């Protein structure tokens, strides 16, 4: 699954356009490499998002099949790394 779709479907971003803006501004990294919108996410990948005040890291546990997942099931797909 493409990184922009993944960020949206697991509720890290509210809209896919927000994910695309973050990617175009080079604040999203996959395994410490700056991501492009077309980059595919795989199970075990580490996604880093550099916000203004902090960096959040997520490990991909599972790739969603549906376009969107309920926020209550987010823990099945990603795990935040401290």
PDB file of N, CA and C in Angstrom:
ATOM      1  N   UNK A   1       0.852  -1.181   0.000  1.00  0.00           N
ATOM      2  CA  UNK A   1       0.000   0.000   0.000  1.00  0.00           C
ATOM      3  C   UNK A   1       0.897   1.244   0.000  1.00  0.00           C
ATOM      4  N   UNK A   2       0.498   2.230  -0.775  1.00  0.00           N
ATOM      5  CA  UNK A   2       1.265   3.488  -0.840  1.00  0.00           C
ATOM      6  C   UNK A   2       1.265   4.189   0.512  1.00  0.00           C
ATOM      7  N   UNK A   3       2.345   4.882   0.823  1.00  0.00           N
ATOM      8  CA  UNK A   3       2.488   5.543   2.115  1.00  0.00           C
ATOM      9  C   UNK A   3       1.388   6.574   2.365  1.00  0.00           C
ATOM     10  N   UNK A   4       1.011   7.342   1.353  1.00  0.00           N
ATOM     11  CA  UNK A   4      -0.024   8.362   1.575  1.00  0.00           C
ATOM     12  C   UNK A   4      -1.377   7.712   1.904  1.00  0.00           C
ATOM     13  N   UNK A   5      -1.700   6.622   1.228  1.00  0.00           N
ATOM     14  CA  UNK A   5      -2.937   5.904   1.521  1.00  0.00           C
ATOM     15  C   UNK A   5      -2.869   5.250   2.896  1.00  0.00           C
ATOM     16  N   UNK A   6      -1.703   4.706   3.242  1.00  0.00           N
ATOM     17  CA  UNK A   6      -1.542   4.044   4.532  1.00  0.00           C
ATOM     18  C   UNK A   6      -1.745   5.022   5.685  1.00  0.00           C
ATOM     19  N   UNK A   7      -1.095   6.192   5.614  1.00  0.00           N
ATOM     20  CA  UNK A   7      -1.221   7.180   6.684  1.00  0.00           C
ATOM     21  C   UNK A   7      -2.679   7.577   6.900  1.00  0.00           C
ATOM     22  N   UNK A   8      -3.419   7.683   5.822  1.00  0.00           N
ATOM     23  CA  UNK A   8      -4.824   8.042   5.922  1.00  0.00           C
ATOM     24  C   UNK A   8      -5.677   6.878   6.426  1.00  0.00           C
ATOM     25  N   UNK A   9      -5.451   5.689   5.927  1.00  0.00           N
ATOM     26  CA  UNK A   9      -6.317   4.563   6.284  1.00  0.00           C
ATOM     27  C   UNK A   9      -6.142   4.093   7.722  1.00  0.00           C
ATOM     28  N   UNK A  10      -4.966   4.318   8.326  1.00  0.00           N
ATOM     29  CA  UNK A  10      -4.776   3.917   9.734  1.00  0.00           C
ATOM     30  C   UNK A  10      -4.943   5.106  10.679  1.00  0.00           C
ATOM     31  N   UNK A  11      -5.490   6.193  10.155  1.00  0.00           N
ATOM     32  CA  UNK A  11      -5.863   7.369  10.953  1.00  0.00           C
ATOM     33  C   UNK A  11      -4.687   8.124  11.568  1.00  0.00           C
ATOM     34  N   UNK A  12      -3.539   8.106  10.929  1.00  0.00           N
ATOM     35  CA  UNK A  12      -2.449   8.973  11.373  1.00  0.00           C
ATOM     36  C   UNK A  12      -2.722  10.388  10.874  1.00  0.00           C
ATOM     37  N   UNK A  13      -3.237  10.502   9.645  1.00  0.00           N
ATOM     38  CA  UNK A  13      -3.686  11.794   9.122  1.00  0.00           C
ATOM     39  C   UNK A  13      -5.186  11.704   8.855  1.00  0.00           C
ATOM     40  N   UNK A  14      -5.852  12.858   8.897  1.00  0.00           N
ATOM     41  CA  UNK A  14      -7.303  12.859   8.697  1.00  0.00           C
ATOM     42  C   UNK A  14      -7.691  12.742   7.235  1.00  0.00           C
ATOM     43  N   UNK A  15      -6.843  13.271   6.348  1.00  0.00           N
ATOM     44  CA  UNK A  15      -7.136  13.227   4.923  1.00  0.00           C
ATOM     45  C   UNK A  15      -5.875  12.826   4.162  1.00  0.00           C
ATOM     46  N   UNK A  16      -6.087  12.192   3.016  1.00  0.00           N
ATOM     47  CA  UNK A  16      -4.961  11.774   2.191  1.00  0.00           C
ATOM     48  C   UNK A  16      -4.175  12.979   1.684  1.00  0.00           C
ATOM     49  N   UNK A  17      -4.870  14.092   1.420  1.00  0.00           N
ATOM     50  CA  UNK A  17      -4.177  15.293   0.942  1.00  0.00           C
ATOM     51  C   UNK A  17      -3.214  15.829   1.997  1.00  0.00           C
ATOM     52  N   UNK A  18      -3.559  15.680   3.273  1.00  0.00           N
ATOM     53  CA  UNK A  18      -2.648  16.087   4.353  1.00  0.00           C
ATOM     54  C   UNK A  18      -1.399  15.207   4.326  1.00  0.00           C
ATOM     55  N   UNK A  19      -1.600  13.913   4.141  1.00  0.00           N
ATOM     56  CA  UNK A  19      -0.466  12.984   4.050  1.00  0.00           C
ATOM     57  C   UNK A  19       0.424  13.338   2.859  1.00  0.00           C
ATOM     58  N   UNK A  20      -0.182  13.659   1.724  1.00  0.00           N
ATOM     59  CA  UNK A  20       0.594  14.022   0.538  1.00  0.00           C
ATOM     60  C   UNK A  20       1.386  15.303   0.766  1.00  0.00           C
ATOM     61  N   UNK A  21       0.796  16.282   1.453  1.00  0.00           N
ATOM     62  CA  UNK A  21       1.518  17.525   1.769  1.00  0.00           C
ATOM     63  C   UNK A  21       2.707  17.239   2.675  1.00  0.00           C
ATOM     64  N   UNK A  22       2.507  16.400   3.676  1.00  0.00           N
ATOM     65  CA  UNK A  22       3.602  16.054   4.583  1.00  0.00           C
ATOM     66  C   UNK A  22       4.736  15.356   3.831  1.00  0.00           C
ATOM     67  N   UNK A  23       4.369  14.472   2.927  1.00  0.00           N
ATOM     68  CA  UNK A  23       5.374  13.752   2.142  1.00  0.00           C
ATOM     69  C   UNK A  23       6.118  14.714   1.219  1.00  0.00           C
ATOM     70  N   UNK A  24       5.406  15.631   0.572  1.00  0.00           N
ATOM     71  CA  UNK A  24       6.052  16.581  -0.344  1.00  0.00           C
ATOM     72  C   UNK A  24       6.968  17.549   0.413  1.00  0.00           C
ATOM     73  N   UNK A  25       6.673  17.782   1.692  1.00  0.00           N
ATOM     74  CA  UNK A  25       7.533  18.633   2.518  1.00  0.00           C
ATOM     75  C   UNK A  25       8.651  17.854   3.208  1.00  0.00           C
ATOM     76  N   UNK A  26       8.771  16.576   2.874  1.00  0.00           N
ATOM     77  CA  UNK A  26       9.865  15.713   3.330  1.00  0.00           C
ATOM     78  C   UNK A  26       9.936  15.558   4.842  1.00  0.00           C
ATOM     79  N   UNK A  27       8.777  15.452   5.479  1.00  0.00           N
ATOM     80  CA  UNK A  27       8.763  15.211   6.925  1.00  0.00           C
ATOM     81  C   UNK A  27       8.395  13.764   7.257  1.00  0.00           C
ATOM     82  N   UNK A  28       8.117  12.957   6.226  1.00  0.00           N
ATOM     83  CA  UNK A  28       7.790  11.543   6.433  1.00  0.00           C
ATOM     84  C   UNK A  28       8.947  10.694   5.933  1.00  0.00           C
ATOM     85  N   UNK A  29       9.412   9.785   6.799  1.00  0.00           N
ATOM     86  CA  UNK A  29      10.504   8.890   6.443  1.00  0.00           C
ATOM     87  C   UNK A  29      10.060   7.445   6.638  1.00  0.00           C
ATOM     88  N   UNK A  30      10.518   6.577   5.763  1.00  0.00           N
ATOM     89  CA  UNK A  30      10.297   5.144   5.916  1.00  0.00           C
ATOM     90  C   UNK A  30      11.670   4.510   6.071  1.00  0.00           C
ATOM     91  N   UNK A  31      11.895   3.863   7.195  1.00  0.00           N
ATOM     92  CA  UNK A  31      13.192   3.249   7.511  1.00  0.00           C
ATOM     93  C   UNK A  31      14.334   4.247   7.329  1.00  0.00           C
ATOM     94  N   UNK A  32      14.138   5.461   7.846  1.00  0.00           N
ATOM     95  CA  UNK A  32      15.127   6.552   7.828  1.00  0.00           C
ATOM     96  C   UNK A  32      15.474   7.065   6.435  1.00  0.00           C
ATOM     97  N   UNK A  33      14.604   6.834   5.452  1.00  0.00           N
ATOM     98  CA  UNK A  33      14.773   7.365   4.101  1.00  0.00           C
ATOM     99  C   UNK A  33      13.554   8.233   3.802  1.00  0.00           C
ATOM    100  N   UNK A  34      13.778   9.452   3.282  1.00  0.00           N
ATOM    101  CA  UNK A  34      12.669  10.348   2.959  1.00  0.00           C
ATOM    102  C   UNK A  34      11.730   9.652   1.979  1.00  0.00           C
ATOM    103  N   UNK A  35      10.446   9.647   2.318  1.00  0.00           N
ATOM    104  CA  UNK A  35       9.444   8.915   1.534  1.00  0.00           C
ATOM    105  C   UNK A  35       8.919   9.748   0.374  1.00  0.00           C
ATOM    106  N   UNK A  36       8.541   9.051  -0.692  1.00  0.00           N
ATOM    107  CA  UNK A  36       7.796   9.645  -1.803  1.00  0.00           C
ATOM    108  C   UNK A  36       6.396   9.046  -1.743  1.00  0.00           C
ATOM    109  N   UNK A  37       5.410   9.745  -2.302  1.00  0.00           N
ATOM    110  CA  UNK A  37       4.012   9.275  -2.245  1.00  0.00           C
ATOM    111  C   UNK A  37       3.835   7.882  -2.822  1.00  0.00           C
ATOM    112  N   UNK A  38       4.650   7.528  -3.797  1.00  0.00           N
ATOM    113  CA  UNK A  38       4.501   6.236  -4.456  1.00  0.00           C
ATOM    114  C   UNK A  38       5.191   5.098  -3.703  1.00  0.00           C
ATOM    115  N   UNK A  39       5.916   5.407  -2.636  1.00  0.00           N
ATOM    116  CA  UNK A  39       6.637   4.383  -1.874  1.00  0.00           C
ATOM    117  C   UNK A  39       5.652   3.459  -1.167  1.00  0.00           C
ATOM    118  N   UNK A  40       5.873   2.158  -1.293  1.00  0.00           N
ATOM    119  CA  UNK A  40       5.000   1.184  -0.649  1.00  0.00           C
ATOM    120  C   UNK A  40       5.464   0.901   0.772  1.00  0.00           C
ATOM    121  N   UNK A  41       4.500   0.708   1.656  1.00  0.00           N
ATOM    122  CA  UNK A  41       4.762   0.361   3.045  1.00  0.00           C
ATOM    123  C   UNK A  41       4.652  -1.148   3.185  1.00  0.00           C
ATOM    124  N   UNK A  42       5.551  -1.748   3.955  1.00  0.00           N
ATOM    125  CA  UNK A  42       5.525  -3.182   4.183  1.00  0.00           C
ATOM    126  C   UNK A  42       5.467  -3.450   5.679  1.00  0.00           C
ATOM    127  N   UNK A  43       5.017  -4.626   6.050  1.00  0.00           N
ATOM    128  CA  UNK A  43       4.990  -5.014   7.457  1.00  0.00           C
ATOM    129  C   UNK A  43       6.425  -4.982   7.995  1.00  0.00           C
ATOM    130  N   UNK A  44       6.605  -4.366   9.149  1.00  0.00           N
ATOM    131  CA  UNK A  44       7.927  -4.244   9.754  1.00  0.00           C
ATOM    132  C   UNK A  44       8.614  -2.925   9.459  1.00  0.00           C
ATOM    133  N   UNK A  45       8.089  -2.146   8.527  1.00  0.00           N
ATOM    134  CA  UNK A  45       8.670  -0.836   8.222  1.00  0.00           C
ATOM    135  C   UNK A  45       8.496   0.099   9.408  1.00  0.00           C
ATOM    136  N   UNK A  46       9.437   1.030   9.556  1.00  0.00           N
ATOM    137  CA  UNK A  46       9.355   2.059  10.578  1.00  0.00           C
ATOM    138  C   UNK A  46       9.067   3.381   9.876  1.00  0.00           C
ATOM    139  N   UNK A  47       7.938   4.006  10.242  1.00  0.00           N
ATOM    140  CA  UNK A  47       7.547   5.294   9.667  1.00  0.00           C
ATOM    141  C   UNK A  47       7.848   6.373  10.697  1.00  0.00           C
ATOM    142  N   UNK A  48       8.630   7.376  10.303  1.00  0.00           N
ATOM    143  CA  UNK A  48       8.933   8.512  11.178  1.00  0.00           C
ATOM    144  C   UNK A  48       8.281   9.755  10.601  1.00  0.00           C
ATOM    145  N   UNK A  49       7.652  10.535  11.472  1.00  0.00           N
ATOM    146  CA  UNK A  49       7.028  11.794  11.057  1.00  0.00           C
ATOM    147  C   UNK A  49       7.623  12.896  11.913  1.00  0.00           C
ATOM    148  N   UNK A  50       8.275  13.860  11.255  1.00  0.00           N
ATOM    149  CA  UNK A  50       8.922  14.968  11.952  1.00  0.00           C
ATOM    150  C   UNK A  50       7.959  16.147  12.045  1.00  0.00           C
ATOM    151  N   UNK A  51       7.356  16.305  13.224  1.00  0.00           N
ATOM    152  CA  UNK A  51       6.499  17.448  13.491  1.00  0.00           C
ATOM    153  C   UNK A  51       7.389  18.608  13.940  1.00  0.00           C
ATOM    154  N   UNK A  52       6.812  19.785  14.139  1.00  0.00           N
ATOM    155  CA  UNK A  52       7.599  20.953  14.550  1.00  0.00           C
ATOM    156  C   UNK A  52       8.312  20.729  15.879  1.00  0.00           C
ATOM    157  N   UNK A  53       7.611  20.145  16.856  1.00  0.00           N
ATOM    158  CA  UNK A  53       8.163  20.008  18.198  1.00  0.00           C
ATOM    159  C   UNK A  53       8.665  18.616  18.539  1.00  0.00           C
ATOM    160  N   UNK A  54       8.321  17.641  17.740  1.00  0.00           N
ATOM    161  CA  UNK A  54       8.682  16.272  18.079  1.00  0.00           C
ATOM    162  C   UNK A  54       8.708  15.390  16.836  1.00  0.00           C
ATOM    163  N   UNK A  55       9.247  14.198  17.021  1.00  0.00           N
ATOM    164  CA  UNK A  55       9.231  13.182  15.975  1.00  0.00           C
ATOM    165  C   UNK A  55       8.500  11.973  16.514  1.00  0.00           C
ATOM    166  N   UNK A  56       7.557  11.468  15.730  1.00  0.00           N
ATOM    167  CA  UNK A  56       6.833  10.263  16.127  1.00  0.00           C
ATOM    168  C   UNK A  56       7.239   9.139  15.195  1.00  0.00           C
ATOM    169  N   UNK A  57       7.418   7.963  15.786  1.00  0.00           N
ATOM    170  CA  UNK A  57       7.791   6.778  15.008  1.00  0.00           C
ATOM    171  C   UNK A  57       6.741   5.708  15.210  1.00  0.00           C
ATOM    172  N   UNK A  58       6.418   5.024  14.116  1.00  0.00           N
ATOM    173  CA  UNK A  58       5.423   3.964  14.132  1.00  0.00           C
ATOM    174  C   UNK A  58       5.994   2.733  13.437  1.00  0.00           C
ATOM    175  N   UNK A  59       5.729   1.571  13.995  1.00  0.00           N
ATOM    176  CA  UNK A  59       6.083   0.324  13.338  1.00  0.00           C
ATOM    177  C   UNK A  59       4.825  -0.223  12.679  1.00  0.00           C
ATOM    178  N   UNK A  60       4.946  -0.643  11.436  1.00  0.00           N
ATOM    179  CA  UNK A  60       3.811  -1.198  10.695  1.00  0.00           C
ATOM    180  C   UNK A  60       3.647  -2.660  11.095  1.00  0.00           C
ATOM    181  N   UNK A  61       2.489  -2.995  11.658  1.00  0.00           N
ATOM    182  CA  UNK A  61       2.211  -4.361  12.098  1.00  0.00           C
ATOM    183  C   UNK A  61       1.415  -5.146  11.074  1.00  0.00           C
ATOM    184  N   UNK A  62       0.563  -4.436  10.322  1.00  0.00           N
ATOM    185  CA  UNK A  62      -0.349  -5.087   9.389  1.00  0.00           C
ATOM    186  C   UNK A  62      -0.769  -4.050   8.351  1.00  0.00           C
ATOM    187  N   UNK A  63      -0.994  -4.488   7.134  1.00  0.00           N
ATOM    188  CA  UNK A  63      -1.449  -3.603   6.065  1.00  0.00           C
ATOM    189  C   UNK A  63      -2.976  -3.722   5.968  1.00  0.00           C
ATOM    190  N   UNK A  64      -3.701  -2.593   6.081  1.00  0.00           N
ATOM    191  CA  UNK A  64      -5.167  -2.672   5.990  1.00  0.00           C
ATOM    192  C   UNK A  64      -5.641  -3.025   4.580  1.00  0.00           C
ATOM    193  N   UNK A  65      -6.731  -3.738   4.528  1.00  0.00           N
ATOM    194  CA  UNK A  65      -7.334  -4.109   3.243  1.00  0.00           C
ATOM    195  C   UNK A  65      -8.343  -3.055   2.823  1.00  0.00           C
ATOM    196  N   UNK A  66      -9.086  -2.527   3.804  1.00  0.00           N
ATOM    197  CA  UNK A  66     -10.122  -1.536   3.523  1.00  0.00           C
ATOM    198  C   UNK A  66      -9.511  -0.148   3.350  1.00  0.00           C
ATOM    199  N   UNK A  67     -10.299   0.731   2.740  1.00  0.00           N
ATOM    200  CA  UNK A  67      -9.846   2.103   2.509  1.00  0.00           C
ATOM    201  C   UNK A  67      -9.631   2.852   3.815  1.00  0.00           C
ATOM    202  N   UNK A  68     -10.479   2.587   4.798  1.00  0.00           N
ATOM    203  CA  UNK A  68     -10.312   3.215   6.105  1.00  0.00           C
ATOM    204  C   UNK A  68     -10.601   2.201   7.197  1.00  0.00           C
ATOM    205  N   UNK A  69      -9.985   2.419   8.335  1.00  0.00           N
ATOM    206  CA  UNK A  69     -10.184   1.530   9.473  1.00  0.00           C
ATOM    207  C   UNK A  69     -10.698   2.349  10.648  1.00  0.00           C
ATOM    208  N   UNK A  70     -11.471   1.741  11.521  1.00  0.00           N
ATOM    209  CA  UNK A  70     -11.933   2.474  12.699  1.00  0.00           C
ATOM    210  C   UNK A  70     -10.758   2.835  13.602  1.00  0.00           C
ATOM    211  N   UNK A  71     -10.844   3.986  14.231  1.00  0.00           N
ATOM    212  CA  UNK A  71      -9.777   4.434  15.122  1.00  0.00           C
ATOM    213  C   UNK A  71      -9.546   3.427  16.252  1.00  0.00           C
ATOM    214  N   UNK A  72     -10.587   2.726  16.653  1.00  0.00           N
ATOM    215  CA  UNK A  72     -10.469   1.738  17.726  1.00  0.00           C
ATOM    216  C   UNK A  72      -9.591   0.545  17.337  1.00  0.00           C
ATOM    217  N   UNK A  73      -9.420   0.306  16.039  1.00  0.00           N
ATOM    218  CA  UNK A  73      -8.593  -0.807  15.568  1.00  0.00           C
ATOM    219  C   UNK A  73      -7.193  -0.373  15.139  1.00  0.00           C
ATOM    220  N   UNK A  74      -6.842   0.870  15.387  1.00  0.00           N
ATOM    221  CA  UNK A  74      -5.545   1.400  14.956  1.00  0.00           C
ATOM    222  C   UNK A  74      -4.376   0.579  15.508  1.00  0.00           C
ATOM    223  N   UNK A  75      -4.504   0.072  16.738  1.00  0.00           N
ATOM    224  CA  UNK A  75      -3.421  -0.692  17.362  1.00  0.00           C
ATOM    225  C   UNK A  75      -3.123  -2.013  16.650  1.00  0.00           C
ATOM    226  N   UNK A  76      -4.044  -2.497  15.830  1.00  0.00           N
ATOM    227  CA  UNK A  76      -3.790  -3.714  15.063  1.00  0.00           C
ATOM    228  C   UNK A  76      -2.850  -3.457  13.896  1.00  0.00           C
ATOM    229  N   UNK A  77      -2.801  -2.206  13.423  1.00  0.00           N
ATOM    230  CA  UNK A  77      -2.045  -1.889  12.212  1.00  0.00           C
ATOM    231  C   UNK A  77      -0.715  -1.188  12.482  1.00  0.00           C
ATOM    232  N   UNK A  78      -0.645  -0.388  13.537  1.00  0.00           N
ATOM    233  CA  UNK A  78       0.592   0.332  13.844  1.00  0.00           C
ATOM    234  C   UNK A  78       0.858   0.291  15.346  1.00  0.00           C
ATOM    235  N   UNK A  79       2.136   0.404  15.686  1.00  0.00           N
ATOM    236  CA  UNK A  79       2.539   0.510  17.087  1.00  0.00           C
ATOM    237  C   UNK A  79       3.466   1.717  17.199  1.00  0.00           C
ATOM    238  N   UNK A  80       3.134   2.641  18.097  1.00  0.00           N
ATOM    239  CA  UNK A  80       3.982   3.824  18.274  1.00  0.00           C
ATOM    240  C   UNK A  80       5.228   3.404  19.047  1.00  0.00           C
ATOM    241  N   UNK A  81       6.376   3.834  18.538  1.00  0.00           N
ATOM    242  CA  UNK A  81       7.664   3.540  19.164  1.00  0.00           C
ATOM    243  C   UNK A  81       8.114   4.770  19.911  1.00  0.00           C
ATOM    244  N   UNK A  82       8.468   4.591  21.155  1.00  0.00           N
ATOM    245  CA  UNK A  82       8.898   5.732  21.977  1.00  0.00           C
ATOM    246  C   UNK A  82      10.373   5.976  21.866  1.00  0.00           C
TER     247      UNK A  82
END
